[in-house]
Amino acid sequence: MREIVYRRSIPLATQHLAIVQSRAGATAGILGAAIMVTEQILAPAAVDARAGRGAARGVSDSVTAS
């Protein structure tokens, strides 16, 4: 994995990059998915839409649907 990342990246982008094994082990995928969902739900546009301010900011129906 490390070789592929370094081969496909410019040196400046990987200058301080550390590729290490996850300490989360088998739950890493589930934790990542949970973080992505949480970030989506708590995104400013999503919060505004749920608070009824979505129309004023042009939030799409896909964000407000739950």
PDB file of N, CA and C in Angstrom:
ATOM      1  N   MET A   1       0.825  -1.182   0.000  1.00  0.00           N
ATOM      2  CA  MET A   1       0.000   0.000   0.000  1.00  0.00           C
ATOM      3  C   MET A   1       0.874   1.253   0.000  1.00  0.00           C
ATOM      4  N   ARG A   2       1.860   1.269   0.854  1.00  0.00           N
ATOM      5  CA  ARG A   2       2.742   2.431   0.978  1.00  0.00           C
ATOM      6  C   ARG A   2       3.392   2.763  -0.364  1.00  0.00           C
ATOM      7  N   GLU A   3       3.871   1.732  -1.069  1.00  0.00           N
ATOM      8  CA  GLU A   3       4.527   1.946  -2.364  1.00  0.00           C
ATOM      9  C   GLU A   3       3.601   2.605  -3.358  1.00  0.00           C
ATOM     10  N   ILE A   4       2.369   2.148  -3.402  1.00  0.00           N
ATOM     11  CA  ILE A   4       1.398   2.696  -4.355  1.00  0.00           C
ATOM     12  C   ILE A   4       1.105   4.153  -4.041  1.00  0.00           C
ATOM     13  N   VAL A   5       0.925   4.472  -2.773  1.00  0.00           N
ATOM     14  CA  VAL A   5       0.649   5.854  -2.386  1.00  0.00           C
ATOM     15  C   VAL A   5       1.800   6.762  -2.785  1.00  0.00           C
ATOM     16  N   TYR A   6       3.025   6.353  -2.482  1.00  0.00           N
ATOM     17  CA  TYR A   6       4.186   7.182  -2.820  1.00  0.00           C
ATOM     18  C   TYR A   6       4.388   7.289  -4.326  1.00  0.00           C
ATOM     19  N   ARG A   7       4.102   6.207  -5.045  1.00  0.00           N
ATOM     20  CA  ARG A   7       4.287   6.220  -6.501  1.00  0.00           C
ATOM     21  C   ARG A   7       3.281   7.142  -7.167  1.00  0.00           C
ATOM     22  N   ARG A   8       2.067   7.223  -6.647  1.00  0.00           N
ATOM     23  CA  ARG A   8       1.001   8.007  -7.278  1.00  0.00           C
ATOM     24  C   ARG A   8       0.889   9.429  -6.745  1.00  0.00           C
ATOM     25  N   SER A   9       1.736   9.802  -5.814  1.00  0.00           N
ATOM     26  CA  SER A   9       1.648  11.137  -5.208  1.00  0.00           C
ATOM     27  C   SER A   9       2.895  11.953  -5.511  1.00  0.00           C
ATOM     28  N   ILE A  10       2.728  13.263  -5.470  1.00  0.00           N
ATOM     29  CA  ILE A  10       3.896  14.121  -5.624  1.00  0.00           C
ATOM     30  C   ILE A  10       4.634  14.164  -4.281  1.00  0.00           C
ATOM     31  N   PRO A  11       5.941  14.307  -4.302  1.00  0.00           N
ATOM     32  CA  PRO A  11       6.722  14.273  -3.063  1.00  0.00           C
ATOM     33  C   PRO A  11       6.251  15.261  -1.992  1.00  0.00           C
ATOM     34  N   LEU A  12       5.841  16.432  -2.384  1.00  0.00           N
ATOM     35  CA  LEU A  12       5.390  17.427  -1.405  1.00  0.00           C
ATOM     36  C   LEU A  12       4.156  16.929  -0.634  1.00  0.00           C
ATOM     37  N   ALA A  13       3.282  16.191  -1.309  1.00  0.00           N
ATOM     38  CA  ALA A  13       2.067  15.699  -0.662  1.00  0.00           C
ATOM     39  C   ALA A  13       2.355  14.597   0.351  1.00  0.00           C
ATOM     40  N   THR A  14       3.441  13.873   0.169  1.00  0.00           N
ATOM     41  CA  THR A  14       3.756  12.762   1.072  1.00  0.00           C
ATOM     42  C   THR A  14       4.933  13.055   1.982  1.00  0.00           C
ATOM     43  N   GLN A  15       5.388  14.273   1.983  1.00  0.00           N
ATOM     44  CA  GLN A  15       6.568  14.661   2.754  1.00  0.00           C
ATOM     45  C   GLN A  15       6.443  14.306   4.239  1.00  0.00           C
ATOM     46  N   HIS A  16       5.300  14.557   4.833  1.00  0.00           N
ATOM     47  CA  HIS A  16       5.103  14.293   6.262  1.00  0.00           C
ATOM     48  C   HIS A  16       4.036  13.225   6.494  1.00  0.00           C
ATOM     49  N   LEU A  17       3.802  12.400   5.490  1.00  0.00           N
ATOM     50  CA  LEU A  17       2.764  11.383   5.575  1.00  0.00           C
ATOM     51  C   LEU A  17       3.274  10.144   6.296  1.00  0.00           C
ATOM     52  N   ALA A  18       2.513   9.678   7.258  1.00  0.00           N
ATOM     53  CA  ALA A  18       2.844   8.441   7.958  1.00  0.00           C
ATOM     54  C   ALA A  18       1.744   7.424   7.665  1.00  0.00           C
ATOM     55  N   ILE A  19       2.116   6.317   7.082  1.00  0.00           N
ATOM     56  CA  ILE A  19       1.157   5.250   6.811  1.00  0.00           C
ATOM     57  C   ILE A  19       1.412   4.160   7.838  1.00  0.00           C
ATOM     58  N   VAL A  20       0.435   3.967   8.714  1.00  0.00           N
ATOM     59  CA  VAL A  20       0.600   3.008   9.802  1.00  0.00           C
ATOM     60  C   VAL A  20      -0.621   2.091   9.856  1.00  0.00           C
ATOM     61  N   GLN A  21      -0.460   0.965  10.512  1.00  0.00           N
ATOM     62  CA  GLN A  21      -1.566   0.038  10.677  1.00  0.00           C
ATOM     63  C   GLN A  21      -2.536   0.593  11.716  1.00  0.00           C
ATOM     64  N   SER A  22      -3.814   0.442  11.437  1.00  0.00           N
ATOM     65  CA  SER A  22      -4.846   0.941  12.332  1.00  0.00           C
ATOM     66  C   SER A  22      -4.855   0.169  13.643  1.00  0.00           C
ATOM     67  N   ARG A  23      -5.057   0.901  14.734  1.00  0.00           N
ATOM     68  CA  ARG A  23      -5.201   0.247  16.029  1.00  0.00           C
ATOM     69  C   ARG A  23      -6.628  -0.245  16.236  1.00  0.00           C
ATOM     70  N   ALA A  24      -7.536   0.142  15.336  1.00  0.00           N
ATOM     71  CA  ALA A  24      -8.936  -0.257  15.471  1.00  0.00           C
ATOM     72  C   ALA A  24      -9.166  -1.702  15.040  1.00  0.00           C
ATOM     73  N   GLY A  25      -8.220  -2.261  14.324  1.00  0.00           N
ATOM     74  CA  GLY A  25      -8.337  -3.655  13.917  1.00  0.00           C
ATOM     75  C   GLY A  25      -9.547  -3.922  13.046  1.00  0.00           C
ATOM     76  N   ALA A  26     -10.289  -4.974  13.382  1.00  0.00           N
ATOM     77  CA  ALA A  26     -11.419  -5.408  12.570  1.00  0.00           C
ATOM     78  C   ALA A  26     -12.573  -4.409  12.564  1.00  0.00           C
ATOM     79  N   THR A  27     -12.622  -3.504  13.522  1.00  0.00           N
ATOM     80  CA  THR A  27     -13.721  -2.534  13.579  1.00  0.00           C
ATOM     81  C   THR A  27     -13.409  -1.238  12.828  1.00  0.00           C
ATOM     82  N   ALA A  28     -12.268  -1.146  12.184  1.00  0.00           N
ATOM     83  CA  ALA A  28     -11.864   0.086  11.500  1.00  0.00           C
ATOM     84  C   ALA A  28     -12.881   0.527  10.450  1.00  0.00           C
ATOM     85  N   GLY A  29     -13.393  -0.392   9.663  1.00  0.00           N
ATOM     86  CA  GLY A  29     -14.369  -0.042   8.626  1.00  0.00           C
ATOM     87  C   GLY A  29     -15.661   0.493   9.208  1.00  0.00           C
ATOM     88  N   ILE A  30     -16.124  -0.126  10.262  1.00  0.00           N
ATOM     89  CA  ILE A  30     -17.367   0.316  10.905  1.00  0.00           C
ATOM     90  C   ILE A  30     -17.168   1.676  11.556  1.00  0.00           C
ATOM     91  N   LEU A  31     -16.034   1.872  12.198  1.00  0.00           N
ATOM     92  CA  LEU A  31     -15.753   3.184  12.800  1.00  0.00           C
ATOM     93  C   LEU A  31     -15.687   4.266  11.737  1.00  0.00           C
ATOM     94  N   GLY A  32     -15.023   3.976  10.620  1.00  0.00           N
ATOM     95  CA  GLY A  32     -14.938   4.944   9.525  1.00  0.00           C
ATOM     96  C   GLY A  32     -16.305   5.297   8.971  1.00  0.00           C
ATOM     97  N   ALA A  33     -17.144   4.279   8.780  1.00  0.00           N
ATOM     98  CA  ALA A  33     -18.495   4.522   8.275  1.00  0.00           C
ATOM     99  C   ALA A  33     -19.303   5.365   9.260  1.00  0.00           C
ATOM    100  N   ALA A  34     -19.178   5.075  10.542  1.00  0.00           N
ATOM    101  CA  ALA A  34     -19.902   5.845  11.558  1.00  0.00           C
ATOM    102  C   ALA A  34     -19.452   7.302  11.570  1.00  0.00           C
ATOM    103  N   ILE A  35     -18.167   7.531  11.400  1.00  0.00           N
ATOM    104  CA  ILE A  35     -17.654   8.906  11.366  1.00  0.00           C
ATOM    105  C   ILE A  35     -18.188   9.634  10.137  1.00  0.00           C
ATOM    106  N   MET A  36     -18.203   8.959   8.982  1.00  0.00           N
ATOM    107  CA  MET A  36     -18.719   9.591   7.763  1.00  0.00           C
ATOM    108  C   MET A  36     -20.188   9.970   7.914  1.00  0.00           C
ATOM    109  N   VAL A  37     -20.991   9.087   8.496  1.00  0.00           N
ATOM    110  CA  VAL A  37     -22.415   9.370   8.699  1.00  0.00           C
ATOM    111  C   VAL A  37     -22.584  10.539   9.662  1.00  0.00           C
ATOM    112  N   THR A  38     -21.832  10.529  10.748  1.00  0.00           N
ATOM    113  CA  THR A  38     -21.914  11.606  11.736  1.00  0.00           C
ATOM    114  C   THR A  38     -21.540  12.944  11.112  1.00  0.00           C
ATOM    115  N   GLU A  39     -20.479  12.962  10.314  1.00  0.00           N
ATOM    116  CA  GLU A  39     -20.073  14.215   9.654  1.00  0.00           C
ATOM    117  C   GLU A  39     -21.150  14.705   8.704  1.00  0.00           C
ATOM    118  N   GLN A  40     -21.810  13.791   7.999  1.00  0.00           N
ATOM    119  CA  GLN A  40     -22.881  14.178   7.072  1.00  0.00           C
ATOM    120  C   GLN A  40     -24.076  14.742   7.830  1.00  0.00           C
ATOM    121  N   ILE A  41     -24.462  14.088   8.891  1.00  0.00           N
ATOM    122  CA  ILE A  41     -25.628  14.529   9.670  1.00  0.00           C
ATOM    123  C   ILE A  41     -25.364  15.866  10.350  1.00  0.00           C
ATOM    124  N   LEU A  42     -24.129  16.075  10.812  1.00  0.00           N
ATOM    125  CA  LEU A  42     -23.806  17.310  11.527  1.00  0.00           C
ATOM    126  C   LEU A  42     -23.210  18.404  10.636  1.00  0.00           C
ATOM    127  N   ALA A  43     -23.212  18.189   9.323  1.00  0.00           N
ATOM    128  CA  ALA A  43     -22.735  19.223   8.399  1.00  0.00           C
ATOM    129  C   ALA A  43     -23.625  20.457   8.543  1.00  0.00           C
ATOM    130  N   PRO A  44     -23.058  21.649   8.437  1.00  0.00           N
ATOM    131  CA  PRO A  44     -23.860  22.873   8.627  1.00  0.00           C
ATOM    132  C   PRO A  44     -25.137  22.917   7.786  1.00  0.00           C
ATOM    133  N   ALA A  45     -25.070  22.522   6.528  1.00  0.00           N
ATOM    134  CA  ALA A  45     -26.264  22.572   5.676  1.00  0.00           C
ATOM    135  C   ALA A  45     -27.330  21.597   6.168  1.00  0.00           C
ATOM    136  N   ALA A  46     -26.915  20.421   6.632  1.00  0.00           N
ATOM    137  CA  ALA A  46     -27.874  19.436   7.124  1.00  0.00           C
ATOM    138  C   ALA A  46     -28.521  19.907   8.422  1.00  0.00           C
ATOM    139  N   VAL A  47     -27.746  20.508   9.298  1.00  0.00           N
ATOM    140  CA  VAL A  47     -28.290  21.023  10.557  1.00  0.00           C
ATOM    141  C   VAL A  47     -29.266  22.156  10.270  1.00  0.00           C
ATOM    142  N   ASP A  48     -28.893  23.057   9.374  1.00  0.00           N
ATOM    143  CA  ASP A  48     -29.789  24.154   9.012  1.00  0.00           C
ATOM    144  C   ASP A  48     -31.088  23.625   8.420  1.00  0.00           C
ATOM    145  N   ALA A  49     -30.990  22.611   7.574  1.00  0.00           N
ATOM    146  CA  ALA A  49     -32.184  22.043   6.947  1.00  0.00           C
ATOM    147  C   ALA A  49     -33.106  21.437   8.000  1.00  0.00           C
ATOM    148  N   ARG A  50     -32.538  20.733   8.949  1.00  0.00           N
ATOM    149  CA  ARG A  50     -33.352  20.122   9.994  1.00  0.00           C
ATOM    150  C   ARG A  50     -33.940  21.168  10.937  1.00  0.00           C
ATOM    151  N   ALA A  51     -33.288  22.312  11.043  1.00  0.00           N
ATOM    152  CA  ALA A  51     -33.783  23.388  11.907  1.00  0.00           C
ATOM    153  C   ALA A  51     -34.786  24.270  11.168  1.00  0.00           C
ATOM    154  N   GLY A  52     -35.073  23.940   9.904  1.00  0.00           N
ATOM    155  CA  GLY A  52     -36.054  24.707   9.144  1.00  0.00           C
ATOM    156  C   GLY A  52     -35.479  25.889   8.406  1.00  0.00           C
ATOM    157  N   ARG A  53     -34.157  25.972   8.334  1.00  0.00           N
ATOM    158  CA  ARG A  53     -33.537  27.099   7.639  1.00  0.00           C
ATOM    159  C   ARG A  53     -32.985  26.687   6.285  1.00  0.00           C
ATOM    160  N   GLY A  54     -33.282  25.490   5.820  1.00  0.00           N
ATOM    161  CA  GLY A  54     -32.731  24.970   4.575  1.00  0.00           C
ATOM    162  C   GLY A  54     -33.162  25.738   3.347  1.00  0.00           C
ATOM    163  N   ALA A  55     -34.412  26.182   3.306  1.00  0.00           N
ATOM    164  CA  ALA A  55     -34.911  26.883   2.129  1.00  0.00           C
ATOM    165  C   ALA A  55     -34.178  28.196   1.906  1.00  0.00           C
ATOM    166  N   ALA A  56     -33.798  28.853   2.981  1.00  0.00           N
ATOM    167  CA  ALA A  56     -33.112  30.137   2.865  1.00  0.00           C
ATOM    168  C   ALA A  56     -31.703  29.975   2.304  1.00  0.00           C
ATOM    169  N   ARG A  57     -31.103  28.811   2.518  1.00  0.00           N
ATOM    170  CA  ARG A  57     -29.729  28.607   2.060  1.00  0.00           C
ATOM    171  C   ARG A  57     -29.654  27.768   0.796  1.00  0.00           C
ATOM    172  N   GLY A  58     -30.782  27.356   0.259  1.00  0.00           N
ATOM    173  CA  GLY A  58     -30.780  26.576  -0.965  1.00  0.00           C
ATOM    174  C   GLY A  58     -30.356  25.131  -0.762  1.00  0.00           C
ATOM    175  N   VAL A  59     -30.672  24.543   0.366  1.00  0.00           N
ATOM    176  CA  VAL A  59     -30.307  23.160   0.644  1.00  0.00           C
ATOM    177  C   VAL A  59     -31.220  22.256  -0.168  1.00  0.00           C
ATOM    178  N   SER A  60     -30.652  21.266  -0.823  1.00  0.00           N
ATOM    179  CA  SER A  60     -31.432  20.371  -1.667  1.00  0.00           C
ATOM    180  C   SER A  60     -32.301  19.447  -0.834  1.00  0.00           C
ATOM    181  N   ASP A  61     -33.304  18.868  -1.484  1.00  0.00           N
ATOM    182  CA  ASP A  61     -34.187  17.931  -0.812  1.00  0.00           C
ATOM    183  C   ASP A  61     -33.464  16.687  -0.330  1.00  0.00           C
ATOM    184  N   SER A  62     -32.367  16.317  -0.989  1.00  0.00           N
ATOM    185  CA  SER A  62     -31.643  15.114  -0.589  1.00  0.00           C
ATOM    186  C   SER A  62     -31.042  15.269   0.800  1.00  0.00           C
ATOM    187  N   VAL A  63     -30.716  16.470   1.206  1.00  0.00           N
ATOM    188  CA  VAL A  63     -30.153  16.701   2.535  1.00  0.00           C
ATOM    189  C   VAL A  63     -31.270  16.686   3.568  1.00  0.00           C
ATOM    190  N   THR A  64     -32.439  17.201   3.190  1.00  0.00           N
ATOM    191  CA  THR A  64     -33.507  17.324   4.171  1.00  0.00           C
ATOM    192  C   THR A  64     -34.308  16.039   4.331  1.00  0.00           C
ATOM    193  N   ALA A  65     -34.210  15.110   3.364  1.00  0.00           N
ATOM    194  CA  ALA A  65     -34.941  13.862   3.480  1.00  0.00           C
ATOM    195  C   ALA A  65     -34.353  12.989   4.567  1.00  0.00           C
ATOM    196  N   SER A  66     -35.207  12.449   5.417  1.00  0.00           N
ATOM    197  CA  SER A  66     -34.717  11.543   6.454  1.00  0.00           C
ATOM    198  C   SER A  66     -35.625  10.375   6.657  1.00  0.00           C
TER     199      SER A  66
END
